[in-house]
Amino acid sequence: MPQHVLAGLVGRSVHSIRAIEQGKFGIGDRLAVQLSLLTGVSPDWLRDDSPGPPFDMGGNEMTLTGVRDHFLAMGFGSGGPMGLDPSFLGIRLESSLQKAETLRNYPSIAGRVRKFLDELDQEIKAARGSEKKEPDQEIKSVGSKKKRP
């Protein structure tokens, strides 16, 4: 993945990503978790300075193929994000809001995000409600009607 794409996904500058890759800058807990979600590599391995192959969350050695498979499962391909994986969407949203925090119109941006999420919740609730109504059709009993004691 190009450094500028990774930098955008985790809300860091290209310079910071380059410095991390060159070992000039350490990785904090938050960034390690973000990178772990993107790559499948354990945050502990990402923070560790010792050389060696990367490990996943289960302690298994990661191969380049394993990282690529994880990346594809997250909804990425050669053309960039292809889907709306919840983990990717969360990272992207957090990154965008962090970038906007220093802007004068941040309250407006945050309000638009909040409104979007509220509308999305309402749409999901409405969709769930309509799905529940369809199968629930009234079933009439056929047969003798005996009184129960």
N, C-alpha and C. Protein backbone atom coordinates (compact mmCIF):
# COMPACT_ATOMS: atom_id res chain seq x y z
N MET A 1 0.85 -1.17 0.00
CA MET A 1 0.00 0.00 0.00
C MET A 1 0.89 1.23 0.00
N PRO A 2 0.57 2.19 -0.84
CA PRO A 2 1.38 3.42 -0.83
C PRO A 2 1.28 4.14 0.52
N GLN A 3 2.36 4.79 0.88
CA GLN A 3 2.41 5.48 2.17
C GLN A 3 1.33 6.54 2.31
N HIS A 4 1.01 7.24 1.23
CA HIS A 4 0.00 8.30 1.32
C HIS A 4 -1.39 7.72 1.58
N VAL A 5 -1.67 6.53 1.07
CA VAL A 5 -2.96 5.89 1.31
C VAL A 5 -3.05 5.45 2.77
N LEU A 6 -2.00 4.79 3.25
CA LEU A 6 -1.97 4.36 4.65
C LEU A 6 -2.07 5.56 5.59
N ALA A 7 -1.35 6.61 5.27
CA ALA A 7 -1.38 7.82 6.10
C ALA A 7 -2.80 8.37 6.19
N GLY A 8 -3.50 8.41 5.06
CA GLY A 8 -4.87 8.89 5.07
C GLY A 8 -5.80 8.01 5.87
N LEU A 9 -5.61 6.70 5.81
CA LEU A 9 -6.49 5.77 6.53
C LEU A 9 -6.34 5.86 8.04
N VAL A 10 -5.13 6.16 8.50
CA VAL A 10 -4.90 6.20 9.95
C VAL A 10 -4.77 7.63 10.48
N GLY A 11 -4.99 8.62 9.62
CA GLY A 11 -4.98 10.01 10.08
C GLY A 11 -3.60 10.53 10.45
N ARG A 12 -2.59 10.10 9.74
CA ARG A 12 -1.22 10.55 9.98
C ARG A 12 -0.66 11.14 8.70
N SER A 13 0.45 11.84 8.81
CA SER A 13 1.10 12.40 7.63
C SER A 13 1.96 11.32 6.97
N VAL A 14 2.25 11.53 5.69
CA VAL A 14 3.14 10.62 4.98
C VAL A 14 4.51 10.62 5.65
N HIS A 15 4.94 11.78 6.12
CA HIS A 15 6.23 11.89 6.82
C HIS A 15 6.25 10.98 8.06
N SER A 16 5.15 10.98 8.81
CA SER A 16 5.08 10.13 10.02
C SER A 16 5.15 8.65 9.66
N ILE A 17 4.42 8.26 8.63
CA ILE A 17 4.43 6.85 8.20
C ILE A 17 5.82 6.45 7.76
N ARG A 18 6.48 7.32 7.01
CA ARG A 18 7.84 7.04 6.55
C ARG A 18 8.79 6.91 7.74
N ALA A 19 8.66 7.80 8.72
CA ALA A 19 9.52 7.76 9.91
C ALA A 19 9.29 6.48 10.71
N ILE A 20 8.04 6.03 10.79
CA ILE A 20 7.73 4.77 11.49
C ILE A 20 8.38 3.60 10.76
N GLU A 21 8.23 3.57 9.44
CA GLU A 21 8.80 2.47 8.65
C GLU A 21 10.32 2.43 8.75
N GLN A 22 10.94 3.59 8.91
CA GLN A 22 12.40 3.65 9.02
C GLN A 22 12.90 3.46 10.45
N GLY A 23 11.97 3.27 11.39
CA GLY A 23 12.35 3.05 12.78
C GLY A 23 12.74 4.31 13.53
N LYS A 24 12.44 5.48 12.97
CA LYS A 24 12.79 6.74 13.62
C LYS A 24 11.70 7.20 14.59
N PHE A 25 10.53 6.61 14.48
CA PHE A 25 9.38 7.04 15.27
C PHE A 25 8.66 5.81 15.78
N GLY A 26 8.34 5.79 17.06
CA GLY A 26 7.64 4.64 17.64
C GLY A 26 6.15 4.67 17.34
N ILE A 27 5.51 3.55 17.56
CA ILE A 27 4.07 3.43 17.32
C ILE A 27 3.36 3.39 18.66
N GLY A 28 2.42 4.30 18.84
CA GLY A 28 1.61 4.31 20.06
C GLY A 28 0.53 3.25 20.02
N ASP A 29 -0.14 3.07 21.14
CA ASP A 29 -1.19 2.04 21.24
C ASP A 29 -2.30 2.25 20.23
N ARG A 30 -2.78 3.47 20.13
CA ARG A 30 -3.91 3.75 19.23
C ARG A 30 -3.55 3.46 17.77
N LEU A 31 -2.40 3.93 17.34
CA LEU A 31 -1.96 3.70 15.97
C LEU A 31 -1.72 2.21 15.73
N ALA A 32 -1.16 1.52 16.72
CA ALA A 32 -0.91 0.08 16.58
C ALA A 32 -2.22 -0.67 16.36
N VAL A 33 -3.27 -0.28 17.07
CA VAL A 33 -4.58 -0.93 16.90
C VAL A 33 -5.13 -0.63 15.52
N GLN A 34 -5.03 0.63 15.07
CA GLN A 34 -5.52 0.98 13.73
C GLN A 34 -4.80 0.17 12.66
N LEU A 35 -3.47 0.10 12.76
CA LEU A 35 -2.69 -0.66 11.78
C LEU A 35 -3.00 -2.15 11.86
N SER A 36 -3.24 -2.65 13.06
CA SER A 36 -3.59 -4.05 13.24
C SER A 36 -4.91 -4.39 12.54
N LEU A 37 -5.89 -3.51 12.69
CA LEU A 37 -7.18 -3.73 12.03
C LEU A 37 -7.03 -3.75 10.52
N LEU A 38 -6.14 -2.91 10.01
CA LEU A 38 -5.94 -2.85 8.56
C LEU A 38 -5.16 -4.04 8.01
N THR A 39 -4.18 -4.51 8.77
CA THR A 39 -3.26 -5.52 8.24
C THR A 39 -3.46 -6.92 8.81
N GLY A 40 -4.06 -7.03 10.00
CA GLY A 40 -4.19 -8.33 10.66
C GLY A 40 -2.99 -8.68 11.52
N VAL A 41 -1.96 -7.82 11.51
CA VAL A 41 -0.75 -8.05 12.29
C VAL A 41 -1.00 -7.59 13.73
N SER A 42 -0.50 -8.35 14.68
CA SER A 42 -0.68 -8.06 16.10
C SER A 42 -0.15 -6.67 16.46
N PRO A 43 -0.91 -5.90 17.26
CA PRO A 43 -0.41 -4.59 17.71
C PRO A 43 0.88 -4.73 18.52
N ASP A 44 1.02 -5.82 19.27
CA ASP A 44 2.24 -6.03 20.05
C ASP A 44 3.45 -6.16 19.13
N TRP A 45 3.30 -6.89 18.03
CA TRP A 45 4.42 -7.04 17.09
C TRP A 45 4.73 -5.70 16.44
N LEU A 46 3.71 -4.93 16.12
CA LEU A 46 3.92 -3.64 15.48
C LEU A 46 4.71 -2.68 16.39
N ARG A 47 4.47 -2.76 17.70
CA ARG A 47 5.18 -1.88 18.65
C ARG A 47 6.57 -2.40 19.00
N ASP A 48 6.82 -3.69 18.78
CA ASP A 48 8.09 -4.31 19.15
C ASP A 48 9.16 -3.95 18.12
N ASP A 49 10.34 -3.60 18.60
CA ASP A 49 11.43 -3.22 17.69
C ASP A 49 12.27 -4.39 17.21
N SER A 50 12.03 -5.58 17.73
CA SER A 50 12.87 -6.71 17.34
C SER A 50 12.54 -7.16 15.91
N PRO A 51 13.59 -7.54 15.16
CA PRO A 51 13.35 -8.00 13.79
C PRO A 51 12.70 -9.38 13.80
N GLY A 52 12.16 -9.74 12.69
CA GLY A 52 11.55 -11.06 12.57
C GLY A 52 10.21 -10.95 11.88
N PRO A 53 9.64 -12.09 11.55
CA PRO A 53 8.38 -12.08 10.83
C PRO A 53 7.24 -11.55 11.71
N PRO A 54 6.25 -10.93 11.10
CA PRO A 54 5.10 -10.44 11.88
C PRO A 54 4.23 -11.59 12.38
N PHE A 55 3.49 -11.33 13.46
CA PHE A 55 2.57 -12.31 14.02
C PHE A 55 1.17 -11.72 14.05
N ASP A 56 0.17 -12.60 13.90
CA ASP A 56 -1.21 -12.14 13.99
C ASP A 56 -1.65 -12.13 15.44
N MET A 57 -2.92 -11.82 15.68
CA MET A 57 -3.44 -11.74 17.05
C MET A 57 -3.37 -13.07 17.78
N GLY A 58 -3.39 -14.16 17.05
CA GLY A 58 -3.32 -15.49 17.66
C GLY A 58 -1.90 -15.98 17.89
N GLY A 59 -0.90 -15.15 17.55
CA GLY A 59 0.49 -15.54 17.75
C GLY A 59 1.05 -16.36 16.61
N ASN A 60 0.31 -16.47 15.51
CA ASN A 60 0.78 -17.22 14.34
C ASN A 60 1.59 -16.31 13.43
N GLU A 61 2.61 -16.89 12.81
CA GLU A 61 3.45 -16.11 11.92
C GLU A 61 2.63 -15.66 10.70
N MET A 62 2.75 -14.38 10.37
CA MET A 62 2.05 -13.84 9.21
C MET A 62 2.98 -13.85 8.01
N THR A 63 2.44 -14.20 6.88
CA THR A 63 3.18 -14.12 5.63
C THR A 63 2.65 -12.92 4.86
N LEU A 64 3.35 -12.54 3.82
CA LEU A 64 2.88 -11.46 2.97
C LEU A 64 1.51 -11.82 2.39
N THR A 65 1.34 -13.07 2.03
CA THR A 65 0.05 -13.53 1.51
C THR A 65 -1.04 -13.38 2.57
N GLY A 66 -0.72 -13.68 3.82
CA GLY A 66 -1.68 -13.54 4.92
C GLY A 66 -2.11 -12.10 5.11
N VAL A 67 -1.15 -11.18 5.03
CA VAL A 67 -1.47 -9.75 5.16
C VAL A 67 -2.34 -9.32 3.98
N ARG A 68 -1.99 -9.75 2.77
CA ARG A 68 -2.79 -9.40 1.58
C ARG A 68 -4.21 -9.96 1.69
N ASP A 69 -4.33 -11.22 2.14
CA ASP A 69 -5.66 -11.82 2.30
C ASP A 69 -6.50 -11.04 3.31
N HIS A 70 -5.87 -10.65 4.42
CA HIS A 70 -6.59 -9.85 5.42
C HIS A 70 -7.02 -8.52 4.83
N PHE A 71 -6.12 -7.92 4.10
CA PHE A 71 -6.39 -6.63 3.49
C PHE A 71 -7.56 -6.73 2.51
N LEU A 72 -7.58 -7.79 1.71
CA LEU A 72 -8.69 -8.00 0.77
C LEU A 72 -9.99 -8.25 1.53
N ALA A 73 -9.92 -9.00 2.62
CA ALA A 73 -11.11 -9.27 3.43
C ALA A 73 -11.66 -8.00 4.05
N MET A 74 -10.79 -7.01 4.27
CA MET A 74 -11.21 -5.74 4.84
C MET A 74 -11.88 -4.85 3.79
N GLY A 75 -11.87 -5.30 2.53
CA GLY A 75 -12.52 -4.53 1.48
C GLY A 75 -11.58 -3.67 0.67
N PHE A 76 -10.32 -4.05 0.58
CA PHE A 76 -9.35 -3.30 -0.19
C PHE A 76 -8.90 -4.13 -1.37
N GLY A 77 -8.53 -3.46 -2.41
CA GLY A 77 -7.96 -4.11 -3.58
C GLY A 77 -7.04 -3.11 -4.25
N SER A 78 -6.64 -3.41 -5.45
CA SER A 78 -5.72 -2.51 -6.14
C SER A 78 -6.35 -1.15 -6.40
N GLY A 79 -7.69 -1.10 -6.44
CA GLY A 79 -8.37 0.16 -6.68
C GLY A 79 -8.75 0.89 -5.41
N GLY A 80 -8.33 0.43 -4.27
CA GLY A 80 -8.66 1.08 -3.01
C GLY A 80 -9.82 0.39 -2.33
N PRO A 81 -10.45 1.05 -1.36
CA PRO A 81 -11.55 0.43 -0.62
C PRO A 81 -12.69 0.04 -1.55
N MET A 82 -13.15 -1.20 -1.41
CA MET A 82 -14.22 -1.69 -2.28
C MET A 82 -15.51 -1.91 -1.52
N GLY A 83 -15.47 -1.94 -0.21
CA GLY A 83 -16.66 -2.23 0.55
C GLY A 83 -16.75 -1.35 1.77
N LEU A 84 -17.70 -1.65 2.61
CA LEU A 84 -17.87 -0.87 3.84
C LEU A 84 -17.70 -1.77 5.05
N ASP A 85 -16.55 -2.37 5.18
CA ASP A 85 -16.26 -3.17 6.36
C ASP A 85 -16.37 -2.26 7.58
N PRO A 86 -17.07 -2.70 8.64
CA PRO A 86 -17.23 -1.84 9.82
C PRO A 86 -15.92 -1.34 10.42
N SER A 87 -14.91 -2.18 10.45
CA SER A 87 -13.62 -1.75 11.01
C SER A 87 -13.01 -0.65 10.16
N PHE A 88 -13.03 -0.83 8.84
CA PHE A 88 -12.48 0.18 7.95
C PHE A 88 -13.26 1.47 8.06
N LEU A 89 -14.57 1.37 8.08
CA LEU A 89 -15.41 2.56 8.16
C LEU A 89 -15.13 3.33 9.45
N GLY A 90 -14.97 2.62 10.56
CA GLY A 90 -14.66 3.28 11.84
C GLY A 90 -13.34 4.00 11.79
N ILE A 91 -12.33 3.37 11.23
CA ILE A 91 -11.01 3.99 11.13
C ILE A 91 -11.09 5.23 10.24
N ARG A 92 -11.78 5.11 9.13
CA ARG A 92 -11.89 6.23 8.19
C ARG A 92 -12.64 7.40 8.82
N LEU A 93 -13.72 7.11 9.52
CA LEU A 93 -14.50 8.15 10.17
C LEU A 93 -13.68 8.85 11.25
N GLU A 94 -13.00 8.06 12.06
CA GLU A 94 -12.16 8.63 13.13
C GLU A 94 -11.06 9.51 12.53
N SER A 95 -10.44 9.02 11.47
CA SER A 95 -9.37 9.76 10.82
C SER A 95 -9.88 11.09 10.28
N SER A 96 -11.04 11.07 9.62
CA SER A 96 -11.60 12.29 9.05
C SER A 96 -11.94 13.30 10.14
N LEU A 97 -12.53 12.84 11.24
CA LEU A 97 -12.88 13.76 12.32
C LEU A 97 -11.64 14.33 13.00
N GLN A 98 -10.59 13.51 13.13
CA GLN A 98 -9.35 14.02 13.71
C GLN A 98 -8.75 15.13 12.85
N LYS A 99 -8.78 14.94 11.54
CA LYS A 99 -8.25 15.96 10.64
C LYS A 99 -9.07 17.24 10.73
N ALA A 100 -10.37 17.11 10.94
CA ALA A 100 -11.26 18.27 10.96
C ALA A 100 -11.27 19.01 12.29
N GLU A 101 -10.74 18.40 13.36
CA GLU A 101 -10.79 19.01 14.70
C GLU A 101 -10.21 20.41 14.75
N THR A 102 -9.20 20.69 13.96
CA THR A 102 -8.53 21.99 14.02
C THR A 102 -9.22 23.05 13.16
N LEU A 103 -10.20 22.66 12.40
CA LEU A 103 -10.89 23.60 11.52
C LEU A 103 -11.94 24.41 12.28
N ARG A 104 -12.16 25.62 11.82
CA ARG A 104 -13.15 26.49 12.45
C ARG A 104 -14.55 25.90 12.37
N ASN A 105 -14.85 25.22 11.26
CA ASN A 105 -16.20 24.69 11.08
C ASN A 105 -16.34 23.24 11.58
N TYR A 106 -15.46 22.83 12.50
CA TYR A 106 -15.54 21.47 13.04
C TYR A 106 -16.92 21.15 13.62
N PRO A 107 -17.54 22.06 14.41
CA PRO A 107 -18.86 21.73 14.95
C PRO A 107 -19.88 21.42 13.85
N SER A 108 -19.77 22.13 12.74
CA SER A 108 -20.67 21.87 11.62
C SER A 108 -20.40 20.49 11.01
N ILE A 109 -19.13 20.16 10.84
CA ILE A 109 -18.74 18.85 10.28
C ILE A 109 -19.19 17.74 11.21
N ALA A 110 -18.91 17.89 12.50
CA ALA A 110 -19.31 16.87 13.48
C ALA A 110 -20.83 16.73 13.51
N GLY A 111 -21.55 17.85 13.39
CA GLY A 111 -23.00 17.80 13.36
C GLY A 111 -23.53 17.05 12.15
N ARG A 112 -22.90 17.25 10.99
CA ARG A 112 -23.31 16.53 9.78
C ARG A 112 -23.07 15.03 9.93
N VAL A 113 -21.93 14.66 10.54
CA VAL A 113 -21.64 13.24 10.77
C VAL A 113 -22.68 12.65 11.72
N ARG A 114 -22.97 13.36 12.80
CA ARG A 114 -23.97 12.90 13.77
C ARG A 114 -25.34 12.72 13.10
N LYS A 115 -25.73 13.70 12.28
CA LYS A 115 -27.01 13.64 11.57
C LYS A 115 -27.04 12.43 10.63
N PHE A 116 -25.95 12.23 9.89
CA PHE A 116 -25.87 11.08 9.00
C PHE A 116 -26.04 9.77 9.76
N LEU A 117 -25.33 9.63 10.89
CA LEU A 117 -25.41 8.40 11.66
C LEU A 117 -26.81 8.20 12.24
N ASP A 118 -27.45 9.28 12.69
CA ASP A 118 -28.82 9.18 13.20
C ASP A 118 -29.78 8.73 12.09
N GLU A 119 -29.62 9.32 10.90
CA GLU A 119 -30.48 8.93 9.77
C GLU A 119 -30.24 7.47 9.38
N LEU A 120 -28.99 7.06 9.43
CA LEU A 120 -28.66 5.67 9.11
C LEU A 120 -29.31 4.72 10.12
N ASP A 121 -29.24 5.07 11.41
CA ASP A 121 -29.89 4.26 12.44
C ASP A 121 -31.39 4.15 12.19
N GLN A 122 -32.03 5.28 11.84
CA GLN A 122 -33.47 5.28 11.58
C GLN A 122 -33.81 4.40 10.37
N GLU A 123 -32.98 4.47 9.34
CA GLU A 123 -33.21 3.66 8.14
C GLU A 123 -33.07 2.17 8.46
N ILE A 124 -32.09 1.84 9.28
CA ILE A 124 -31.89 0.43 9.67
C ILE A 124 -33.06 -0.05 10.51
N LYS A 125 -33.52 0.78 11.45
CA LYS A 125 -34.69 0.40 12.27
C LYS A 125 -35.92 0.20 11.41
N ALA A 126 -36.13 1.09 10.44
CA ALA A 126 -37.28 0.97 9.55
C ALA A 126 -37.19 -0.31 8.72
N ALA A 127 -36.00 -0.61 8.24
CA ALA A 127 -35.81 -1.82 7.44
C ALA A 127 -36.06 -3.07 8.28
N ARG A 128 -35.57 -3.06 9.51
CA ARG A 128 -35.81 -4.19 10.40
C ARG A 128 -37.29 -4.35 10.71
N GLY A 129 -37.98 -3.22 10.91
CA GLY A 129 -39.41 -3.25 11.19
C GLY A 129 -40.20 -3.82 10.04
N SER A 130 -39.84 -3.45 8.81
CA SER A 130 -40.57 -3.96 7.64
C SER A 130 -40.28 -5.44 7.41
N GLU A 131 -39.07 -5.88 7.76
CA GLU A 131 -38.75 -7.31 7.62
C GLU A 131 -39.54 -8.14 8.61
N LYS A 132 -39.77 -7.61 9.80
CA LYS A 132 -40.50 -8.36 10.83
C LYS A 132 -41.98 -8.48 10.49
N LYS A 133 -42.54 -7.47 9.83
CA LYS A 133 -43.97 -7.46 9.54
C LYS A 133 -44.34 -8.45 8.45
N GLU A 134 -43.48 -8.66 7.48
CA GLU A 134 -43.81 -9.52 6.35
C GLU A 134 -44.10 -10.96 6.76
N PRO A 135 -43.23 -11.62 7.54
CA PRO A 135 -43.50 -13.02 7.85
C PRO A 135 -44.64 -13.21 8.85
N ASP A 136 -44.96 -12.20 9.64
CA ASP A 136 -45.98 -12.33 10.66
C ASP A 136 -47.37 -12.14 10.07
N GLN A 137 -47.88 -13.18 9.47
CA GLN A 137 -49.24 -13.13 8.94
C GLN A 137 -50.14 -13.85 9.91
N GLU A 138 -51.36 -13.36 10.00
CA GLU A 138 -52.31 -13.95 10.94
C GLU A 138 -52.67 -15.36 10.49
N ILE A 139 -52.57 -16.30 11.40
CA ILE A 139 -52.91 -17.69 11.11
C ILE A 139 -54.19 -18.02 11.86
N LYS A 140 -55.21 -18.44 11.10
CA LYS A 140 -56.49 -18.77 11.72
C LYS A 140 -56.52 -20.26 12.00
N SER A 141 -57.05 -20.58 13.14
CA SER A 141 -57.15 -21.96 13.56
C SER A 141 -58.30 -22.63 12.83
N VAL A 142 -58.07 -23.84 12.41
CA VAL A 142 -59.11 -24.62 11.75
C VAL A 142 -59.39 -25.82 12.63
N GLY A 143 -60.64 -26.15 12.79
CA GLY A 143 -60.98 -27.32 13.60
C GLY A 143 -62.01 -26.96 14.64
N SER A 144 -62.20 -27.89 15.58
CA SER A 144 -63.23 -27.67 16.59
C SER A 144 -62.77 -26.62 17.58
N LYS A 145 -63.75 -25.88 18.09
CA LYS A 145 -63.44 -24.86 19.08
C LYS A 145 -63.98 -25.33 20.42
N LYS A 146 -63.10 -25.95 21.18
CA LYS A 146 -63.48 -26.43 22.50
C LYS A 146 -63.04 -25.41 23.52
N LYS A 147 -63.87 -25.27 24.54
CA LYS A 147 -63.49 -24.38 25.63
C LYS A 147 -62.48 -25.07 26.51
N ARG A 148 -61.50 -24.34 26.90
CA ARG A 148 -60.51 -24.90 27.83
C ARG A 148 -60.94 -24.59 29.25
N PRO A 149 -60.69 -25.53 30.13
CA PRO A 149 -61.07 -25.30 31.54
C PRO A 149 -60.20 -24.27 32.19
